[in-house]
Amino acid sequence: MNKVFLFPLMLAMLFMYLIDRKSLKAAPAVNRWVSLTLYVISIGIWIYGTLTKSSVYVAAWLSRFIDMWLPPAL
């Protein structure tokens, strides 16, 4: 199933972190925590998306939260 894609995606995330680690260490603390939090959230989304059997995806959940902050259509 989709579990085949989990390992390469985790390797890609690890590779991205290894490339960016020098710039993350030099960044201010706030930027560092935001970046690391986004890494963790994206790993969680990948794991959920590859392990779930339901048809509700994280993008559908996120779109509902984003819609709350968008202005109404004209």
PDB file of N, CA and C in Angstrom:
ATOM      1  N   MET A   1       0.834  -1.178   0.000  1.00  0.00           N
ATOM      2  CA  MET A   1       0.000   0.000   0.000  1.00  0.00           C
ATOM      3  C   MET A   1       0.878   1.240   0.000  1.00  0.00           C
ATOM      4  N   ASN A   2       0.488   2.298   0.697  1.00  0.00           N
ATOM      5  CA  ASN A   2       1.258   3.530   0.737  1.00  0.00           C
ATOM      6  C   ASN A   2       2.446   3.466   1.678  1.00  0.00           C
ATOM      7  N   LYS A   3       2.582   2.406   2.434  1.00  0.00           N
ATOM      8  CA  LYS A   3       3.694   2.288   3.371  1.00  0.00           C
ATOM      9  C   LYS A   3       5.029   2.251   2.644  1.00  0.00           C
ATOM     10  N   VAL A   4       5.013   1.882   1.380  1.00  0.00           N
ATOM     11  CA  VAL A   4       6.241   1.831   0.593  1.00  0.00           C
ATOM     12  C   VAL A   4       6.849   3.223   0.476  1.00  0.00           C
ATOM     13  N   PHE A   5       6.017   4.254   0.477  1.00  0.00           N
ATOM     14  CA  PHE A   5       6.493   5.620   0.305  1.00  0.00           C
ATOM     15  C   PHE A   5       6.994   6.245   1.600  1.00  0.00           C
ATOM     16  N   LEU A   6       6.725   5.648   2.729  1.00  0.00           N
ATOM     17  CA  LEU A   6       7.088   6.244   4.006  1.00  0.00           C
ATOM     18  C   LEU A   6       8.602   6.339   4.174  1.00  0.00           C
ATOM     19  N   PHE A   7       9.322   5.284   3.892  1.00  0.00           N
ATOM     20  CA  PHE A   7      10.771   5.275   4.108  1.00  0.00           C
ATOM     21  C   PHE A   7      11.498   6.279   3.222  1.00  0.00           C
ATOM     22  N   PRO A   8      11.242   6.344   1.912  1.00  0.00           N
ATOM     23  CA  PRO A   8      11.932   7.369   1.109  1.00  0.00           C
ATOM     24  C   PRO A   8      11.604   8.795   1.525  1.00  0.00           C
ATOM     25  N   LEU A   9      10.374   9.038   1.958  1.00  0.00           N
ATOM     26  CA  LEU A   9      10.013  10.376   2.396  1.00  0.00           C
ATOM     27  C   LEU A   9      10.704  10.741   3.704  1.00  0.00           C
ATOM     28  N   MET A  10      10.833   9.776   4.599  1.00  0.00           N
ATOM     29  CA  MET A  10      11.563  10.035   5.835  1.00  0.00           C
ATOM     30  C   MET A  10      13.040  10.297   5.541  1.00  0.00           C
ATOM     31  N   LEU A  11      13.603   9.564   4.588  1.00  0.00           N
ATOM     32  CA  LEU A  11      14.991   9.817   4.196  1.00  0.00           C
ATOM     33  C   LEU A  11      15.148  11.201   3.575  1.00  0.00           C
ATOM     34  N   ALA A  12      14.162  11.623   2.786  1.00  0.00           N
ATOM     35  CA  ALA A  12      14.211  12.958   2.195  1.00  0.00           C
ATOM     36  C   ALA A  12      14.165  14.025   3.278  1.00  0.00           C
ATOM     37  N   MET A  13      13.332  13.839   4.284  1.00  0.00           N
ATOM     38  CA  MET A  13      13.251  14.807   5.372  1.00  0.00           C
ATOM     39  C   MET A  13      14.561  14.847   6.161  1.00  0.00           C
ATOM     40  N   LEU A  14      15.141  13.704   6.421  1.00  0.00           N
ATOM     41  CA  LEU A  14      16.420  13.656   7.120  1.00  0.00           C
ATOM     42  C   LEU A  14      17.506  14.342   6.295  1.00  0.00           C
ATOM     43  N   PHE A  15      17.510  14.117   4.996  1.00  0.00           N
ATOM     44  CA  PHE A  15      18.474  14.745   4.107  1.00  0.00           C
ATOM     45  C   PHE A  15      18.315  16.264   4.121  1.00  0.00           C
ATOM     46  N   MET A  16      17.073  16.745   4.089  1.00  0.00           N
ATOM     47  CA  MET A  16      16.821  18.187   4.145  1.00  0.00           C
ATOM     48  C   MET A  16      17.321  18.766   5.463  1.00  0.00           C
ATOM     49  N   TYR A  17      17.105  18.056   6.553  1.00  0.00           N
ATOM     50  CA  TYR A  17      17.574  18.541   7.848  1.00  0.00           C
ATOM     51  C   TYR A  17      19.096  18.596   7.889  1.00  0.00           C
ATOM     52  N   LEU A  18      19.745  17.566   7.354  1.00  0.00           N
ATOM     53  CA  LEU A  18      21.211  17.540   7.369  1.00  0.00           C
ATOM     54  C   LEU A  18      21.789  18.672   6.530  1.00  0.00           C
ATOM     55  N   ILE A  19      21.136  19.006   5.448  1.00  0.00           N
ATOM     56  CA  ILE A  19      21.608  20.113   4.615  1.00  0.00           C
ATOM     57  C   ILE A  19      21.413  21.446   5.338  1.00  0.00           C
ATOM     58  N   ASP A  20      20.300  21.615   6.032  1.00  0.00           N
ATOM     59  CA  ASP A  20      19.951  22.891   6.653  1.00  0.00           C
ATOM     60  C   ASP A  20      20.438  23.052   8.081  1.00  0.00           C
ATOM     61  N   ARG A  21      21.100  22.073   8.646  1.00  0.00           N
ATOM     62  CA  ARG A  21      21.417  22.152  10.071  1.00  0.00           C
ATOM     63  C   ARG A  21      22.378  23.282  10.408  1.00  0.00           C
ATOM     64  N   LYS A  22      23.323  23.618   9.509  1.00  0.00           N
ATOM     65  CA  LYS A  22      24.239  24.718   9.802  1.00  0.00           C
ATOM     66  C   LYS A  22      23.496  26.047   9.827  1.00  0.00           C
ATOM     67  N   SER A  23      22.590  26.240   8.876  1.00  0.00           N
ATOM     68  CA  SER A  23      21.839  27.497   8.868  1.00  0.00           C
ATOM     69  C   SER A  23      20.825  27.543  10.006  1.00  0.00           C
ATOM     70  N   LEU A  24      20.312  26.382  10.420  1.00  0.00           N
ATOM     71  CA  LEU A  24      19.389  26.365  11.559  1.00  0.00           C
ATOM     72  C   LEU A  24      20.101  26.730  12.856  1.00  0.00           C
ATOM     73  N   LYS A  25      21.347  26.275  13.015  1.00  0.00           N
ATOM     74  CA  LYS A  25      22.086  26.603  14.233  1.00  0.00           C
ATOM     75  C   LYS A  25      22.438  28.088  14.286  1.00  0.00           C
ATOM     76  N   ALA A  26      22.633  28.698  13.115  1.00  0.00           N
ATOM     77  CA  ALA A  26      22.983  30.113  13.069  1.00  0.00           C
ATOM     78  C   ALA A  26      21.753  31.020  13.141  1.00  0.00           C
ATOM     79  N   ALA A  27      20.579  30.477  12.962  1.00  0.00           N
ATOM     80  CA  ALA A  27      19.356  31.277  12.956  1.00  0.00           C
ATOM     81  C   ALA A  27      18.984  31.683  14.378  1.00  0.00           C
ATOM     82  N   PRO A  28      18.215  32.760  14.515  1.00  0.00           N
ATOM     83  CA  PRO A  28      17.713  33.125  15.848  1.00  0.00           C
ATOM     84  C   PRO A  28      16.845  32.004  16.423  1.00  0.00           C
ATOM     85  N   ALA A  29      16.700  32.015  17.732  1.00  0.00           N
ATOM     86  CA  ALA A  29      16.001  30.923  18.418  1.00  0.00           C
ATOM     87  C   ALA A  29      14.565  30.763  17.942  1.00  0.00           C
ATOM     88  N   VAL A  30      13.868  31.861  17.698  1.00  0.00           N
ATOM     89  CA  VAL A  30      12.474  31.773  17.260  1.00  0.00           C
ATOM     90  C   VAL A  30      12.391  31.090  15.902  1.00  0.00           C
ATOM     91  N   ASN A  31      13.235  31.490  14.969  1.00  0.00           N
ATOM     92  CA  ASN A  31      13.228  30.875  13.642  1.00  0.00           C
ATOM     93  C   ASN A  31      13.606  29.400  13.708  1.00  0.00           C
ATOM     94  N   ARG A  32      14.522  29.078  14.605  1.00  0.00           N
ATOM     95  CA  ARG A  32      14.946  27.687  14.761  1.00  0.00           C
ATOM     96  C   ARG A  32      13.796  26.824  15.244  1.00  0.00           C
ATOM     97  N   TRP A  33      13.045  27.306  16.236  1.00  0.00           N
ATOM     98  CA  TRP A  33      11.927  26.524  16.760  1.00  0.00           C
ATOM     99  C   TRP A  33      10.801  26.403  15.755  1.00  0.00           C
ATOM    100  N   VAL A  34      10.556  27.455  14.988  1.00  0.00           N
ATOM    101  CA  VAL A  34       9.519  27.383  13.951  1.00  0.00           C
ATOM    102  C   VAL A  34       9.914  26.354  12.894  1.00  0.00           C
ATOM    103  N   SER A  35      11.162  26.379  12.475  1.00  0.00           N
ATOM    104  CA  SER A  35      11.623  25.425  11.455  1.00  0.00           C
ATOM    105  C   SER A  35      11.545  23.988  11.956  1.00  0.00           C
ATOM    106  N   LEU A  36      12.011  23.763  13.170  1.00  0.00           N
ATOM    107  CA  LEU A  36      11.971  22.401  13.705  1.00  0.00           C
ATOM    108  C   LEU A  36      10.540  21.931  13.920  1.00  0.00           C
ATOM    109  N   THR A  37       9.648  22.840  14.326  1.00  0.00           N
ATOM    110  CA  THR A  37       8.248  22.477  14.492  1.00  0.00           C
ATOM    111  C   THR A  37       7.636  22.096  13.150  1.00  0.00           C
ATOM    112  N   LEU A  38       7.961  22.831  12.098  1.00  0.00           N
ATOM    113  CA  LEU A  38       7.452  22.487  10.770  1.00  0.00           C
ATOM    114  C   LEU A  38       7.995  21.142  10.294  1.00  0.00           C
ATOM    115  N   TYR A  39       9.252  20.832  10.613  1.00  0.00           N
ATOM    116  CA  TYR A  39       9.793  19.511  10.287  1.00  0.00           C
ATOM    117  C   TYR A  39       8.984  18.416  10.978  1.00  0.00           C
ATOM    118  N   VAL A  40       8.713  18.587  12.259  1.00  0.00           N
ATOM    119  CA  VAL A  40       7.980  17.567  13.019  1.00  0.00           C
ATOM    120  C   VAL A  40       6.547  17.426  12.501  1.00  0.00           C
ATOM    121  N   ILE A  41       5.897  18.546  12.209  1.00  0.00           N
ATOM    122  CA  ILE A  41       4.525  18.495  11.693  1.00  0.00           C
ATOM    123  C   ILE A  41       4.488  17.784  10.352  1.00  0.00           C
ATOM    124  N   SER A  42       5.444  18.087   9.479  1.00  0.00           N
ATOM    125  CA  SER A  42       5.444  17.442   8.169  1.00  0.00           C
ATOM    126  C   SER A  42       5.721  15.942   8.273  1.00  0.00           C
ATOM    127  N   ILE A  43       6.570  15.543   9.197  1.00  0.00           N
ATOM    128  CA  ILE A  43       6.796  14.112   9.410  1.00  0.00           C
ATOM    129  C   ILE A  43       5.508  13.452   9.897  1.00  0.00           C
ATOM    130  N   GLY A  44       4.797  14.106  10.800  1.00  0.00           N
ATOM    131  CA  GLY A  44       3.523  13.567  11.280  1.00  0.00           C
ATOM    132  C   GLY A  44       2.497  13.443  10.171  1.00  0.00           C
ATOM    133  N   ILE A  45       2.443  14.429   9.284  1.00  0.00           N
ATOM    134  CA  ILE A  45       1.514  14.367   8.156  1.00  0.00           C
ATOM    135  C   ILE A  45       1.873  13.216   7.239  1.00  0.00           C
ATOM    136  N   TRP A  46       3.160  13.032   6.970  1.00  0.00           N
ATOM    137  CA  TRP A  46       3.577  11.921   6.096  1.00  0.00           C
ATOM    138  C   TRP A  46       3.218  10.577   6.720  1.00  0.00           C
ATOM    139  N   ILE A  47       3.492  10.439   8.008  1.00  0.00           N
ATOM    140  CA  ILE A  47       3.184   9.166   8.665  1.00  0.00           C
ATOM    141  C   ILE A  47       1.682   8.908   8.651  1.00  0.00           C
ATOM    142  N   TYR A  48       0.884   9.918   8.969  1.00  0.00           N
ATOM    143  CA  TYR A  48      -0.566   9.744   8.956  1.00  0.00           C
ATOM    144  C   TYR A  48      -1.062   9.424   7.549  1.00  0.00           C
ATOM    145  N   GLY A  49      -0.545  10.126   6.555  1.00  0.00           N
ATOM    146  CA  GLY A  49      -0.992   9.915   5.182  1.00  0.00           C
ATOM    147  C   GLY A  49      -0.625   8.561   4.622  1.00  0.00           C
ATOM    148  N   THR A  50       0.469   7.999   5.084  1.00  0.00           N
ATOM    149  CA  THR A  50       0.870   6.692   4.567  1.00  0.00           C
ATOM    150  C   THR A  50       0.302   5.531   5.365  1.00  0.00           C
ATOM    151  N   LEU A  51      -0.062   5.752   6.608  1.00  0.00           N
ATOM    152  CA  LEU A  51      -0.548   4.649   7.434  1.00  0.00           C
ATOM    153  C   LEU A  51      -2.068   4.571   7.541  1.00  0.00           C
ATOM    154  N   THR A  52      -2.758   5.612   7.168  1.00  0.00           N
ATOM    155  CA  THR A  52      -4.205   5.618   7.336  1.00  0.00           C
ATOM    156  C   THR A  52      -4.897   4.896   6.185  1.00  0.00           C
ATOM    157  N   LYS A  53      -6.043   4.339   6.475  1.00  0.00           N
ATOM    158  CA  LYS A  53      -6.830   3.675   5.438  1.00  0.00           C
ATOM    159  C   LYS A  53      -8.071   4.495   5.087  1.00  0.00           C
ATOM    160  N   SER A  54      -8.261   5.605   5.776  1.00  0.00           N
ATOM    161  CA  SER A  54      -9.436   6.418   5.497  1.00  0.00           C
ATOM    162  C   SER A  54      -9.173   7.337   4.309  1.00  0.00           C
ATOM    163  N   SER A  55     -10.233   7.885   3.772  1.00  0.00           N
ATOM    164  CA  SER A  55     -10.097   8.757   2.609  1.00  0.00           C
ATOM    165  C   SER A  55     -10.012  10.225   3.002  1.00  0.00           C
ATOM    166  N   VAL A  56     -10.016  10.521   4.305  1.00  0.00           N
ATOM    167  CA  VAL A  56      -9.873  11.901   4.766  1.00  0.00           C
ATOM    168  C   VAL A  56      -8.392  12.169   4.962  1.00  0.00           C
ATOM    169  N   TYR A  57      -7.895  13.133   4.220  1.00  0.00           N
ATOM    170  CA  TYR A  57      -6.470  13.427   4.273  1.00  0.00           C
ATOM    171  C   TYR A  57      -6.226  14.704   5.061  1.00  0.00           C
ATOM    172  N   VAL A  58      -5.000  14.898   5.460  1.00  0.00           N
ATOM    173  CA  VAL A  58      -4.630  16.045   6.268  1.00  0.00           C
ATOM    174  C   VAL A  58      -4.887  17.338   5.514  1.00  0.00           C
ATOM    175  N   ALA A  59      -4.703  17.340   4.201  1.00  0.00           N
ATOM    176  CA  ALA A  59      -4.941  18.542   3.414  1.00  0.00           C
ATOM    177  C   ALA A  59      -6.400  18.990   3.526  1.00  0.00           C
ATOM    178  N   ALA A  60      -7.315  18.056   3.619  1.00  0.00           N
ATOM    179  CA  ALA A  60      -8.726  18.414   3.787  1.00  0.00           C
ATOM    180  C   ALA A  60      -8.957  19.059   5.149  1.00  0.00           C
ATOM    181  N   TRP A  61      -8.302  18.561   6.188  1.00  0.00           N
ATOM    182  CA  TRP A  61      -8.424  19.171   7.513  1.00  0.00           C
ATOM    183  C   TRP A  61      -7.814  20.560   7.521  1.00  0.00           C
ATOM    184  N   LEU A  62      -6.632  20.678   6.938  1.00  0.00           N
ATOM    185  CA  LEU A  62      -5.957  21.975   6.934  1.00  0.00           C
ATOM    186  C   LEU A  62      -6.737  23.013   6.143  1.00  0.00           C
ATOM    187  N   SER A  63      -7.390  22.604   5.066  1.00  0.00           N
ATOM    188  CA  SER A  63      -8.143  23.562   4.264  1.00  0.00           C
ATOM    189  C   SER A  63      -9.301  24.154   5.062  1.00  0.00           C
ATOM    190  N   ARG A  64      -9.891  23.385   5.961  1.00  0.00           N
ATOM    191  CA  ARG A  64     -10.976  23.921   6.797  1.00  0.00           C
ATOM    192  C   ARG A  64     -10.465  24.951   7.786  1.00  0.00           C
ATOM    193  N   PHE A  65      -9.269  24.728   8.327  1.00  0.00           N
ATOM    194  CA  PHE A  65      -8.688  25.713   9.237  1.00  0.00           C
ATOM    195  C   PHE A  65      -8.250  26.970   8.492  1.00  0.00           C
ATOM    196  N   ILE A  66      -7.705  26.801   7.301  1.00  0.00           N
ATOM    197  CA  ILE A  66      -7.279  27.959   6.510  1.00  0.00           C
ATOM    198  C   ILE A  66      -8.495  28.781   6.094  1.00  0.00           C
ATOM    199  N   ASP A  67      -9.598  28.128   5.777  1.00  0.00           N
ATOM    200  CA  ASP A  67     -10.814  28.847   5.378  1.00  0.00           C
ATOM    201  C   ASP A  67     -11.328  29.780   6.484  1.00  0.00           C
ATOM    202  N   MET A  68     -11.060  29.464   7.721  1.00  0.00           N
ATOM    203  CA  MET A  68     -11.514  30.317   8.815  1.00  0.00           C
ATOM    204  C   MET A  68     -10.823  31.681   8.777  1.00  0.00           C
ATOM    205  N   TRP A  69      -9.568  31.712   8.295  1.00  0.00           N
ATOM    206  CA  TRP A  69      -8.811  32.949   8.290  1.00  0.00           C
ATOM    207  C   TRP A  69      -8.905  33.719   6.978  1.00  0.00           C
ATOM    208  N   LEU A  70      -9.428  33.099   5.959  1.00  0.00           N
ATOM    209  CA  LEU A  70      -9.550  33.788   4.673  1.00  0.00           C
ATOM    210  C   LEU A  70     -10.773  34.690   4.667  1.00  0.00           C
ATOM    211  N   PRO A  71     -10.697  35.814   3.957  1.00  0.00           N
ATOM    212  CA  PRO A  71     -11.883  36.654   3.848  1.00  0.00           C
ATOM    213  C   PRO A  71     -12.932  35.978   2.971  1.00  0.00           C
ATOM    214  N   PRO A  72     -14.196  36.329   3.141  1.00  0.00           N
ATOM    215  CA  PRO A  72     -15.248  35.714   2.313  1.00  0.00           C
ATOM    216  C   PRO A  72     -15.060  36.089   0.843  1.00  0.00           C
ATOM    217  N   ALA A  73     -15.465  35.188  -0.022  1.00  0.00           N
ATOM    218  CA  ALA A  73     -15.341  35.430  -1.469  1.00  0.00           C
ATOM    219  C   ALA A  73     -16.239  36.592  -1.879  1.00  0.00           C
ATOM    220  N   LEU A  74     -15.770  37.360  -2.837  1.00  0.00           N
ATOM    221  CA  LEU A  74     -16.558  38.513  -3.300  1.00  0.00           C
ATOM    222  C   LEU A  74     -17.596  38.101  -4.301  1.00  0.00           C
TER     223      LEU A  74
END
